[in-house]
Amino acid sequence: MRTALEAEEGLVVGMNLPYGISRDEDYALPVHGTDRFYPALLIEVRNDELGDGWRIRRWADRLATALAPSVPEFSS
């Protein structure tokens, strides 16, 4: 996922920036991912990148494309 997103020119990708995942502060990722041995990730997108329907659709397409190699159901 990271490699796919970093390949897009002009897109800034950071890992666990500005913070990491903490069991004390987070619920979904540890409970629905780690605890069940499912691969899981948390994606945070800046609010100014989601200002209108076109930008939201662009991010949805971008994330679906980046996930496709890891999730066979996305490839069809």
PDB file of N, CA and C in Angstrom:
ATOM      1  N   MET A   1       0.831  -1.181   0.000  1.00  0.00           N
ATOM      2  CA  MET A   1       0.000   0.000   0.000  1.00  0.00           C
ATOM      3  C   MET A   1       0.876   1.245   0.000  1.00  0.00           C
ATOM      4  N   ARG A   2       1.833   1.267   0.880  1.00  0.00           N
ATOM      5  CA  ARG A   2       2.719   2.432   0.962  1.00  0.00           C
ATOM      6  C   ARG A   2       3.469   2.629  -0.348  1.00  0.00           C
ATOM      7  N   THR A   3       4.018   1.560  -0.889  1.00  0.00           N
ATOM      8  CA  THR A   3       4.773   1.650  -2.136  1.00  0.00           C
ATOM      9  C   THR A   3       3.903   2.187  -3.263  1.00  0.00           C
ATOM     10  N   ALA A   4       2.690   1.706  -3.340  1.00  0.00           N
ATOM     11  CA  ALA A   4       1.776   2.163  -4.396  1.00  0.00           C
ATOM     12  C   ALA A   4       1.457   3.644  -4.244  1.00  0.00           C
ATOM     13  N   LEU A   5       1.211   4.089  -3.032  1.00  0.00           N
ATOM     14  CA  LEU A   5       0.893   5.505  -2.815  1.00  0.00           C
ATOM     15  C   LEU A   5       2.119   6.395  -3.025  1.00  0.00           C
ATOM     16  N   GLU A   6       3.281   5.928  -2.610  1.00  0.00           N
ATOM     17  CA  GLU A   6       4.494   6.725  -2.797  1.00  0.00           C
ATOM     18  C   GLU A   6       4.867   6.865  -4.263  1.00  0.00           C
ATOM     19  N   ALA A   7       4.404   5.952  -5.098  1.00  0.00           N
ATOM     20  CA  ALA A   7       4.711   6.016  -6.526  1.00  0.00           C
ATOM     21  C   ALA A   7       3.985   7.167  -7.217  1.00  0.00           C
ATOM     22  N   GLU A   8       2.956   7.689  -6.589  1.00  0.00           N
ATOM     23  CA  GLU A   8       2.215   8.789  -7.191  1.00  0.00           C
ATOM     24  C   GLU A   8       2.959  10.099  -6.976  1.00  0.00           C
ATOM     25  N   GLU A   9       3.299  10.734  -8.061  1.00  0.00           N
ATOM     26  CA  GLU A   9       4.065  11.978  -7.997  1.00  0.00           C
ATOM     27  C   GLU A   9       3.290  13.057  -7.242  1.00  0.00           C
ATOM     28  N   GLY A  10       3.980  13.728  -6.334  1.00  0.00           N
ATOM     29  CA  GLY A  10       3.392  14.820  -5.584  1.00  0.00           C
ATOM     30  C   GLY A  10       2.640  14.415  -4.329  1.00  0.00           C
ATOM     31  N   LEU A  11       2.471  13.130  -4.100  1.00  0.00           N
ATOM     32  CA  LEU A  11       1.752  12.663  -2.920  1.00  0.00           C
ATOM     33  C   LEU A  11       2.750  12.417  -1.792  1.00  0.00           C
ATOM     34  N   VAL A  12       2.500  12.994  -0.627  1.00  0.00           N
ATOM     35  CA  VAL A  12       3.379  12.829   0.527  1.00  0.00           C
ATOM     36  C   VAL A  12       2.799  11.739   1.418  1.00  0.00           C
ATOM     37  N   VAL A  13       3.588  10.702   1.674  1.00  0.00           N
ATOM     38  CA  VAL A  13       3.148   9.557   2.467  1.00  0.00           C
ATOM     39  C   VAL A  13       4.067   9.432   3.677  1.00  0.00           C
ATOM     40  N   GLY A  14       3.493   9.313   4.864  1.00  0.00           N
ATOM     41  CA  GLY A  14       4.279   9.120   6.078  1.00  0.00           C
ATOM     42  C   GLY A  14       3.756   7.923   6.834  1.00  0.00           C
ATOM     43  N   MET A  15       4.642   7.210   7.463  1.00  0.00           N
ATOM     44  CA  MET A  15       4.252   6.047   8.252  1.00  0.00           C
ATOM     45  C   MET A  15       4.154   6.431   9.728  1.00  0.00           C
ATOM     46  N   ASN A  16       2.950   6.273  10.265  1.00  0.00           N
ATOM     47  CA  ASN A  16       2.688   6.549  11.677  1.00  0.00           C
ATOM     48  C   ASN A  16       3.094   7.962  12.081  1.00  0.00           C
ATOM     49  N   LEU A  17       2.823   8.881  11.201  1.00  0.00           N
ATOM     50  CA  LEU A  17       3.121  10.284  11.476  1.00  0.00           C
ATOM     51  C   LEU A  17       1.820  11.045  11.573  1.00  0.00           C
ATOM     52  N   PRO A  18       1.577  11.826  12.527  1.00  0.00           N
ATOM     53  CA  PRO A  18       2.491  12.241  13.591  1.00  0.00           C
ATOM     54  C   PRO A  18       2.439  11.330  14.810  1.00  0.00           C
ATOM     55  N   TYR A  19       1.733  10.220  14.772  1.00  0.00           N
ATOM     56  CA  TYR A  19       1.605   9.364  15.947  1.00  0.00           C
ATOM     57  C   TYR A  19       1.513   7.906  15.516  1.00  0.00           C
ATOM     58  N   GLY A  20       1.607   7.012  16.477  1.00  0.00           N
ATOM     59  CA  GLY A  20       1.493   5.590  16.205  1.00  0.00           C
ATOM     60  C   GLY A  20       0.183   5.042  16.739  1.00  0.00           C
ATOM     61  N   ILE A  21      -0.023   3.766  16.572  1.00  0.00           N
ATOM     62  CA  ILE A  21      -1.231   3.104  17.057  1.00  0.00           C
ATOM     63  C   ILE A  21      -0.980   2.657  18.501  1.00  0.00           C
ATOM     64  N   SER A  22      -1.894   3.001  19.379  1.00  0.00           N
ATOM     65  CA  SER A  22      -1.779   2.662  20.794  1.00  0.00           C
ATOM     66  C   SER A  22      -3.049   1.940  21.234  1.00  0.00           C
ATOM     67  N   ARG A  23      -2.898   0.808  21.846  1.00  0.00           N
ATOM     68  CA  ARG A  23      -4.059   0.058  22.326  1.00  0.00           C
ATOM     69  C   ARG A  23      -4.872   0.889  23.317  1.00  0.00           C
ATOM     70  N   ASP A  24      -4.219   1.771  24.056  1.00  0.00           N
ATOM     71  CA  ASP A  24      -4.922   2.611  25.022  1.00  0.00           C
ATOM     72  C   ASP A  24      -5.807   3.662  24.346  1.00  0.00           C
ATOM     73  N   GLU A  25      -5.449   4.089  23.144  1.00  0.00           N
ATOM     74  CA  GLU A  25      -6.169   5.177  22.482  1.00  0.00           C
ATOM     75  C   GLU A  25      -6.936   4.748  21.239  1.00  0.00           C
ATOM     76  N   ASP A  26      -6.626   3.593  20.689  1.00  0.00           N
ATOM     77  CA  ASP A  26      -7.267   3.141  19.456  1.00  0.00           C
ATOM     78  C   ASP A  26      -8.064   1.872  19.719  1.00  0.00           C
ATOM     79  N   TYR A  27      -9.090   1.669  18.923  1.00  0.00           N
ATOM     80  CA  TYR A  27      -9.931   0.496  19.117  1.00  0.00           C
ATOM     81  C   TYR A  27      -9.969  -0.384  17.871  1.00  0.00           C
ATOM     82  N   ALA A  28     -10.384   0.182  16.766  1.00  0.00           N
ATOM     83  CA  ALA A  28     -10.689  -0.611  15.572  1.00  0.00           C
ATOM     84  C   ALA A  28      -9.503  -1.427  15.066  1.00  0.00           C
ATOM     85  N   LEU A  29      -8.365  -0.807  14.895  1.00  0.00           N
ATOM     86  CA  LEU A  29      -7.223  -1.523  14.338  1.00  0.00           C
ATOM     87  C   LEU A  29      -6.763  -2.678  15.222  1.00  0.00           C
ATOM     88  N   PRO A  30      -6.539  -2.457  16.521  1.00  0.00           N
ATOM     89  CA  PRO A  30      -6.130  -3.597  17.343  1.00  0.00           C
ATOM     90  C   PRO A  30      -7.207  -4.674  17.481  1.00  0.00           C
ATOM     91  N   VAL A  31      -8.442  -4.278  17.707  1.00  0.00           N
ATOM     92  CA  VAL A  31      -9.510  -5.250  17.971  1.00  0.00           C
ATOM     93  C   VAL A  31      -9.922  -6.004  16.706  1.00  0.00           C
ATOM     94  N   HIS A  32     -10.139  -5.294  15.619  1.00  0.00           N
ATOM     95  CA  HIS A  32     -10.634  -5.935  14.403  1.00  0.00           C
ATOM     96  C   HIS A  32      -9.521  -6.419  13.480  1.00  0.00           C
ATOM     97  N   GLY A  33      -8.299  -5.987  13.730  1.00  0.00           N
ATOM     98  CA  GLY A  33      -7.173  -6.414  12.917  1.00  0.00           C
ATOM     99  C   GLY A  33      -6.223  -7.303  13.686  1.00  0.00           C
ATOM    100  N   THR A  34      -5.384  -6.701  14.492  1.00  0.00           N
ATOM    101  CA  THR A  34      -4.322  -7.407  15.200  1.00  0.00           C
ATOM    102  C   THR A  34      -4.834  -8.575  16.037  1.00  0.00           C
ATOM    103  N   ASP A  35      -5.859  -8.336  16.846  1.00  0.00           N
ATOM    104  CA  ASP A  35      -6.365  -9.388  17.733  1.00  0.00           C
ATOM    105  C   ASP A  35      -6.936 -10.580  16.979  1.00  0.00           C
ATOM    106  N   ARG A  36      -7.377 -10.362  15.753  1.00  0.00           N
ATOM    107  CA  ARG A  36      -7.968 -11.448  14.945  1.00  0.00           C
ATOM    108  C   ARG A  36      -7.000 -11.968  13.893  1.00  0.00           C
ATOM    109  N   PHE A  37      -5.773 -11.471  13.953  1.00  0.00           N
ATOM    110  CA  PHE A  37      -4.718 -11.879  13.022  1.00  0.00           C
ATOM    111  C   PHE A  37      -5.062 -11.541  11.572  1.00  0.00           C
ATOM    112  N   TYR A  38      -5.793 -10.444  11.383  1.00  0.00           N
ATOM    113  CA  TYR A  38      -6.100  -9.943  10.041  1.00  0.00           C
ATOM    114  C   TYR A  38      -5.131  -8.829   9.695  1.00  0.00           C
ATOM    115  N   PRO A  39      -4.700  -8.788   8.463  1.00  0.00           N
ATOM    116  CA  PRO A  39      -3.898  -7.623   8.073  1.00  0.00           C
ATOM    117  C   PRO A  39      -4.791  -6.383   8.138  1.00  0.00           C
ATOM    118  N   ALA A  40      -4.287  -5.310   8.685  1.00  0.00           N
ATOM    119  CA  ALA A  40      -5.092  -4.110   8.860  1.00  0.00           C
ATOM    120  C   ALA A  40      -4.206  -2.883   8.732  1.00  0.00           C
ATOM    121  N   LEU A  41      -4.800  -1.795   8.306  1.00  0.00           N
ATOM    122  CA  LEU A  41      -4.067  -0.555   8.255  1.00  0.00           C
ATOM    123  C   LEU A  41      -5.004   0.602   8.511  1.00  0.00           C
ATOM    124  N   LEU A  42      -4.422   1.677   8.958  1.00  0.00           N
ATOM    125  CA  LEU A  42      -5.152   2.903   9.228  1.00  0.00           C
ATOM    126  C   LEU A  42      -4.656   3.932   8.234  1.00  0.00           C
ATOM    127  N   ILE A  43      -5.574   4.558   7.539  1.00  0.00           N
ATOM    128  CA  ILE A  43      -5.215   5.580   6.559  1.00  0.00           C
ATOM    129  C   ILE A  43      -5.824   6.896   7.014  1.00  0.00           C
ATOM    130  N   GLU A  44      -4.992   7.893   7.090  1.00  0.00           N
ATOM    131  CA  GLU A  44      -5.472   9.222   7.449  1.00  0.00           C
ATOM    132  C   GLU A  44      -5.215  10.148   6.267  1.00  0.00           C
ATOM    133  N   VAL A  45      -6.248  10.849   5.863  1.00  0.00           N
ATOM    134  CA  VAL A  45      -6.153  11.797   4.752  1.00  0.00           C
ATOM    135  C   VAL A  45      -6.467  13.178   5.309  1.00  0.00           C
ATOM    136  N   ARG A  46      -5.664  14.155   4.934  1.00  0.00           N
ATOM    137  CA  ARG A  46      -5.907  15.525   5.397  1.00  0.00           C
ATOM    138  C   ARG A  46      -7.282  15.997   4.932  1.00  0.00           C
ATOM    139  N   ASN A  47      -7.977  16.714   5.801  1.00  0.00           N
ATOM    140  CA  ASN A  47      -9.317  17.208   5.486  1.00  0.00           C
ATOM    141  C   ASN A  47      -9.354  18.068   4.234  1.00  0.00           C
ATOM    142  N   ASP A  48      -8.325  18.864   4.006  1.00  0.00           N
ATOM    143  CA  ASP A  48      -8.325  19.725   2.825  1.00  0.00           C
ATOM    144  C   ASP A  48      -8.189  18.932   1.526  1.00  0.00           C
ATOM    145  N   GLU A  49      -7.850  17.656   1.622  1.00  0.00           N
ATOM    146  CA  GLU A  49      -7.790  16.791   0.450  1.00  0.00           C
ATOM    147  C   GLU A  49      -9.169  16.200   0.116  1.00  0.00           C
ATOM    148  N   LEU A  50     -10.149  16.427   0.984  1.00  0.00           N
ATOM    149  CA  LEU A  50     -11.477  15.837   0.811  1.00  0.00           C
ATOM    150  C   LEU A  50     -12.560  16.913   0.745  1.00  0.00           C
ATOM    151  N   GLY A  51     -12.231  18.052   0.168  1.00  0.00           N
ATOM    152  CA  GLY A  51     -13.114  19.207   0.212  1.00  0.00           C
ATOM    153  C   GLY A  51     -14.389  19.134  -0.594  1.00  0.00           C
ATOM    154  N   ASP A  52     -14.474  18.252  -1.578  1.00  0.00           N
ATOM    155  CA  ASP A  52     -15.685  18.161  -2.393  1.00  0.00           C
ATOM    156  C   ASP A  52     -15.806  16.749  -2.964  1.00  0.00           C
ATOM    157  N   GLY A  53     -16.915  16.492  -3.636  1.00  0.00           N
ATOM    158  CA  GLY A  53     -17.187  15.155  -4.162  1.00  0.00           C
ATOM    159  C   GLY A  53     -16.118  14.646  -5.103  1.00  0.00           C
ATOM    160  N   TRP A  54     -15.583  15.543  -5.952  1.00  0.00           N
ATOM    161  CA  TRP A  54     -14.552  15.130  -6.897  1.00  0.00           C
ATOM    162  C   TRP A  54     -13.307  14.666  -6.160  1.00  0.00           C
ATOM    163  N   ARG A  55     -12.881  15.394  -5.129  1.00  0.00           N
ATOM    164  CA  ARG A  55     -11.685  15.022  -4.372  1.00  0.00           C
ATOM    165  C   ARG A  55     -11.903  13.733  -3.583  1.00  0.00           C
ATOM    166  N   ILE A  56     -13.085  13.567  -3.037  1.00  0.00           N
ATOM    167  CA  ILE A  56     -13.390  12.327  -2.304  1.00  0.00           C
ATOM    168  C   ILE A  56     -13.323  11.141  -3.257  1.00  0.00           C
ATOM    169  N   ARG A  57     -13.907  11.282  -4.438  1.00  0.00           N
ATOM    170  CA  ARG A  57     -13.880  10.205  -5.436  1.00  0.00           C
ATOM    171  C   ARG A  57     -12.442   9.911  -5.866  1.00  0.00           C
ATOM    172  N   ARG A  58     -11.640  10.950  -6.010  1.00  0.00           N
ATOM    173  CA  ARG A  58     -10.244  10.769  -6.400  1.00  0.00           C
ATOM    174  C   ARG A  58      -9.501   9.939  -5.353  1.00  0.00           C
ATOM    175  N   TRP A  59      -9.724  10.242  -4.070  1.00  0.00           N
ATOM    176  CA  TRP A  59      -9.083   9.468  -3.016  1.00  0.00           C
ATOM    177  C   TRP A  59      -9.612   8.038  -2.961  1.00  0.00           C
ATOM    178  N   ALA A  60     -10.897   7.870  -3.160  1.00  0.00           N
ATOM    179  CA  ALA A  60     -11.474   6.520  -3.174  1.00  0.00           C
ATOM    180  C   ALA A  60     -10.845   5.691  -4.287  1.00  0.00           C
ATOM    181  N   ASP A  61     -10.721   6.268  -5.465  1.00  0.00           N
ATOM    182  CA  ASP A  61     -10.089   5.560  -6.585  1.00  0.00           C
ATOM    183  C   ASP A  61      -8.620   5.271  -6.307  1.00  0.00           C
ATOM    184  N   ARG A  62      -7.933   6.254  -5.761  1.00  0.00           N
ATOM    185  CA  ARG A  62      -6.503   6.106  -5.442  1.00  0.00           C
ATOM    186  C   ARG A  62      -6.300   4.955  -4.447  1.00  0.00           C
ATOM    187  N   LEU A  63      -7.105   4.914  -3.394  1.00  0.00           N
ATOM    188  CA  LEU A  63      -6.956   3.870  -2.377  1.00  0.00           C
ATOM    189  C   LEU A  63      -7.354   2.503  -2.918  1.00  0.00           C
ATOM    190  N   ALA A  64      -8.409   2.442  -3.721  1.00  0.00           N
ATOM    191  CA  ALA A  64      -8.816   1.164  -4.318  1.00  0.00           C
ATOM    192  C   ALA A  64      -7.718   0.625  -5.226  1.00  0.00           C
ATOM    193  N   THR A  65      -7.100   1.483  -5.999  1.00  0.00           N
ATOM    194  CA  THR A  65      -6.003   1.065  -6.882  1.00  0.00           C
ATOM    195  C   THR A  65      -4.807   0.568  -6.077  1.00  0.00           C
ATOM    196  N   ALA A  66      -4.479   1.265  -5.001  1.00  0.00           N
ATOM    197  CA  ALA A  66      -3.350   0.863  -4.163  1.00  0.00           C
ATOM    198  C   ALA A  66      -3.617  -0.452  -3.433  1.00  0.00           C
ATOM    199  N   LEU A  67      -4.870  -0.696  -3.063  1.00  0.00           N
ATOM    200  CA  LEU A  67      -5.231  -1.927  -2.351  1.00  0.00           C
ATOM    201  C   LEU A  67      -5.399  -3.133  -3.275  1.00  0.00           C
ATOM    202  N   ALA A  68      -5.712  -2.901  -4.521  1.00  0.00           N
ATOM    203  CA  ALA A  68      -6.054  -3.982  -5.455  1.00  0.00           C
ATOM    204  C   ALA A  68      -5.063  -5.146  -5.465  1.00  0.00           C
ATOM    205  N   PRO A  69      -3.752  -4.904  -5.489  1.00  0.00           N
ATOM    206  CA  PRO A  69      -2.828  -6.058  -5.511  1.00  0.00           C
ATOM    207  C   PRO A  69      -2.914  -6.937  -4.257  1.00  0.00           C
ATOM    208  N   SER A  70      -3.349  -6.386  -3.159  1.00  0.00           N
ATOM    209  CA  SER A  70      -3.420  -7.131  -1.893  1.00  0.00           C
ATOM    210  C   SER A  70      -4.778  -7.765  -1.633  1.00  0.00           C
ATOM    211  N   VAL A  71      -5.789  -7.302  -2.355  1.00  0.00           N
ATOM    212  CA  VAL A  71      -7.153  -7.780  -2.108  1.00  0.00           C
ATOM    213  C   VAL A  71      -7.733  -8.263  -3.443  1.00  0.00           C
ATOM    214  N   PRO A  72      -7.717  -9.571  -3.679  1.00  0.00           N
ATOM    215  CA  PRO A  72      -8.158 -10.094  -4.962  1.00  0.00           C
ATOM    216  C   PRO A  72      -9.556  -9.623  -5.378  1.00  0.00           C
ATOM    217  N   GLU A  73     -10.456  -9.426  -4.415  1.00  0.00           N
ATOM    218  CA  GLU A  73     -11.809  -9.007  -4.743  1.00  0.00           C
ATOM    219  C   GLU A  73     -11.841  -7.627  -5.402  1.00  0.00           C
ATOM    220  N   PHE A  74     -10.818  -6.793  -5.165  1.00  0.00           N
ATOM    221  CA  PHE A  74     -10.760  -5.453  -5.752  1.00  0.00           C
ATOM    222  C   PHE A  74     -10.328  -5.488  -7.200  1.00  0.00           C
ATOM    223  N   SER A  75      -9.696  -6.574  -7.614  1.00  0.00           N
ATOM    224  CA  SER A  75      -9.140  -6.652  -8.965  1.00  0.00           C
ATOM    225  C   SER A  75     -10.186  -6.941 -10.023  1.00  0.00           C
ATOM    226  N   SER A  76     -11.334  -7.430  -9.622  1.00  0.00           N
ATOM    227  CA  SER A  76     -12.345  -7.809 -10.628  1.00  0.00           C
ATOM    228  C   SER A  76     -13.248  -6.659 -10.981  1.00  0.00           C
TER     229      SER A  76
END
